[in-house]
Protein backbone atom coordinates (compact mmCIF):
# COMPACT_ATOMS: atom_id res chain seq x y z
CA UNK A 1 -0.12 -0.03 0.09
CA UNK A 2 2.93 2.37 0.01
CA UNK A 3 2.05 3.56 -3.48
CA UNK A 4 -1.14 5.32 -2.41
CA UNK A 5 -2.00 8.59 -0.74
CA UNK A 6 -3.89 7.80 2.35
CA UNK A 7 -7.07 9.16 3.84
CA UNK A 8 -8.29 10.10 7.30
CA UNK A 9 -11.96 10.74 7.90
CA UNK A 10 -12.50 12.99 10.99
CA UNK A 11 -16.14 13.36 11.84
CA UNK A 12 -17.96 14.16 15.01
CA UNK A 13 -19.89 10.89 14.45
CA UNK A 14 -18.12 7.53 14.62
CA UNK A 15 -20.97 6.15 12.25
CA UNK A 16 -20.41 8.80 9.67
CA UNK A 17 -16.67 8.24 9.68
CA UNK A 18 -17.08 4.42 9.45
CA UNK A 19 -19.88 4.73 7.03
CA UNK A 20 -17.83 6.80 4.68
CA UNK A 21 -15.02 4.37 4.87
CA UNK A 22 -17.25 1.45 4.23
CA UNK A 23 -18.90 3.32 1.23
CA UNK A 24 -15.46 3.66 -0.29
CA UNK A 25 -14.35 0.13 0.41
CA UNK A 26 -17.24 -1.03 -1.65
CA UNK A 27 -15.22 0.06 -4.67
CA UNK A 28 -11.69 0.81 -3.59
CA UNK A 29 -9.75 -1.53 -1.39
CA UNK A 30 -6.19 -0.62 -1.96
CA UNK A 31 -6.02 2.99 -0.64
CA UNK A 32 -5.29 3.13 3.21
CA UNK A 33 -8.30 4.74 4.88
CA UNK A 34 -8.79 5.17 8.68
CA UNK A 35 -12.02 6.54 10.34
CA UNK A 36 -11.53 8.90 13.29
CA UNK A 37 -15.07 9.63 14.36
CA UNK A 38 -16.43 10.56 17.77
CA UNK A 39 -14.88 11.16 21.08
CA UNK A 40 -12.46 8.77 22.68
CA UNK A 41 -14.98 7.49 25.26
CA UNK A 42 -17.66 7.39 22.68
CA UNK A 43 -20.35 10.05 21.83
CA UNK A 44 -20.60 12.91 19.58
CA UNK A 45 -17.47 15.13 19.08
CA UNK A 46 -13.90 14.98 17.82
CA UNK A 47 -10.61 14.03 19.44
CA UNK A 48 -7.25 15.18 18.70
CA UNK A 49 -5.82 11.94 20.03
CA UNK A 50 -8.02 9.73 17.65
CA UNK A 51 -7.18 11.94 14.61
CA UNK A 52 -3.41 11.80 15.51
CA UNK A 53 -3.72 8.00 15.89
CA UNK A 54 -5.46 7.83 12.59
CA UNK A 55 -3.02 9.85 10.74
CA UNK A 56 -0.09 7.70 12.27
CA UNK A 57 -1.88 4.57 11.27
CA UNK A 58 -2.27 5.65 7.66
CA UNK A 59 1.44 6.85 7.61
CA UNK A 60 2.38 3.24 8.48
CA UNK A 61 0.77 2.17 5.11
CA UNK A 62 1.98 4.94 2.84
CA UNK A 63 4.96 7.23 1.97
CA UNK A 64 2.82 9.43 -0.38
CA UNK A 65 1.15 11.49 2.35
CA UNK A 66 -2.25 11.82 4.17
CA UNK A 67 -5.33 13.76 3.28
CA UNK A 68 -7.70 14.59 6.11
CA UNK A 69 -11.52 15.05 5.37
CA UNK A 70 -13.48 16.71 8.13
CA UNK A 71 -17.26 17.43 8.71
CA UNK A 72 -17.47 20.43 11.04
CA UNK A 73 -15.28 23.20 12.20
CA UNK A 74 -13.97 21.82 15.43
CA UNK A 75 -12.98 18.56 13.46
CA UNK A 76 -10.81 20.89 11.38
CA UNK A 77 -9.39 22.55 14.37
CA UNK A 78 -8.54 19.08 16.06
CA UNK A 79 -7.09 17.96 12.66
CA UNK A 80 -4.71 21.01 12.67
CA UNK A 81 -3.75 20.13 16.22
CA UNK A 82 -3.05 16.68 15.40
CA UNK A 83 -0.78 17.64 12.54
CA UNK A 84 1.03 19.96 14.80
CA UNK A 85 1.69 17.23 17.33
CA UNK A 86 3.03 14.93 14.58
CA UNK A 87 5.05 17.48 12.70
CA UNK A 88 4.82 16.15 9.33
CA UNK A 89 4.60 18.10 6.13
CA UNK A 90 2.99 15.49 4.05
CA UNK A 91 -0.47 15.83 5.81
CA UNK A 92 -3.09 18.06 4.37
CA UNK A 93 -6.65 18.99 5.41
CA UNK A 94 -8.95 19.16 2.59
CA UNK A 95 -11.76 21.68 2.02
CA UNK A 96 -14.38 19.33 0.43
CA UNK A 97 -17.54 17.57 1.34
CA UNK A 98 -16.42 14.60 3.58
CA UNK A 99 -18.16 11.77 1.69
CA UNK A 100 -17.71 13.09 -1.92
CA UNK A 101 -14.42 14.50 -1.34
CA UNK A 102 -13.06 11.31 0.42
CA UNK A 103 -14.39 9.17 -2.40
CA UNK A 104 -12.89 11.25 -5.30
CA UNK A 105 -9.64 11.29 -3.33
CA UNK A 106 -9.68 7.50 -3.00
CA UNK A 107 -10.20 7.23 -6.78
CA UNK A 108 -7.45 9.46 -7.61
CA UNK A 109 -5.13 7.80 -5.00
CA UNK A 110 -5.84 4.31 -6.58
CA UNK A 111 -4.40 5.76 -9.70
CA UNK A 112 -1.19 6.24 -7.71
CA UNK A 113 -1.23 10.18 -8.03
CA UNK A 114 0.78 12.19 -5.70
CA UNK A 115 -0.58 14.18 -2.73
CA UNK A 116 -0.47 17.33 -4.79
CA UNK A 117 -2.25 15.85 -7.69
CA UNK A 118 -4.90 14.53 -5.58
CA UNK A 119 -5.45 17.87 -3.92
CA UNK A 120 -5.39 19.66 -7.24
CA UNK A 121 -7.99 17.33 -8.55
CA UNK A 122 -10.28 18.03 -5.56
CA UNK A 123 -9.81 21.81 -6.06
CA UNK A 124 -10.90 21.50 -9.67
CA UNK A 125 -13.84 19.14 -9.21
CA UNK A 126 -17.31 20.60 -8.72
CA UNK A 127 -18.17 18.69 -5.41
């Protein structure tokens, strides 16, 4: 799996994060994807710790970088904090709808495109 950009899905809902991953897995199995939904003890919310662990898990499977998709503002904030703790340059937060964006990114990643190419595709696709 080292040939694919990886994906983290950061949602306030564990069900949304896992459901988005499951939807993508129906079609794309090669791309590393980790769902980071809900708070650590369960419930609605986001967790810097869960997002950080998800990024690190994806990084174990890829050398091409990680894209983070989020649902609401605090998920973005916690994703930014997780990136700061990790200190990696090859992690990007994407401004795209969580389901559609993650799906398009997985399709592009499966084509073995670089992190920059996947981000460029997302920026030019009408989602």
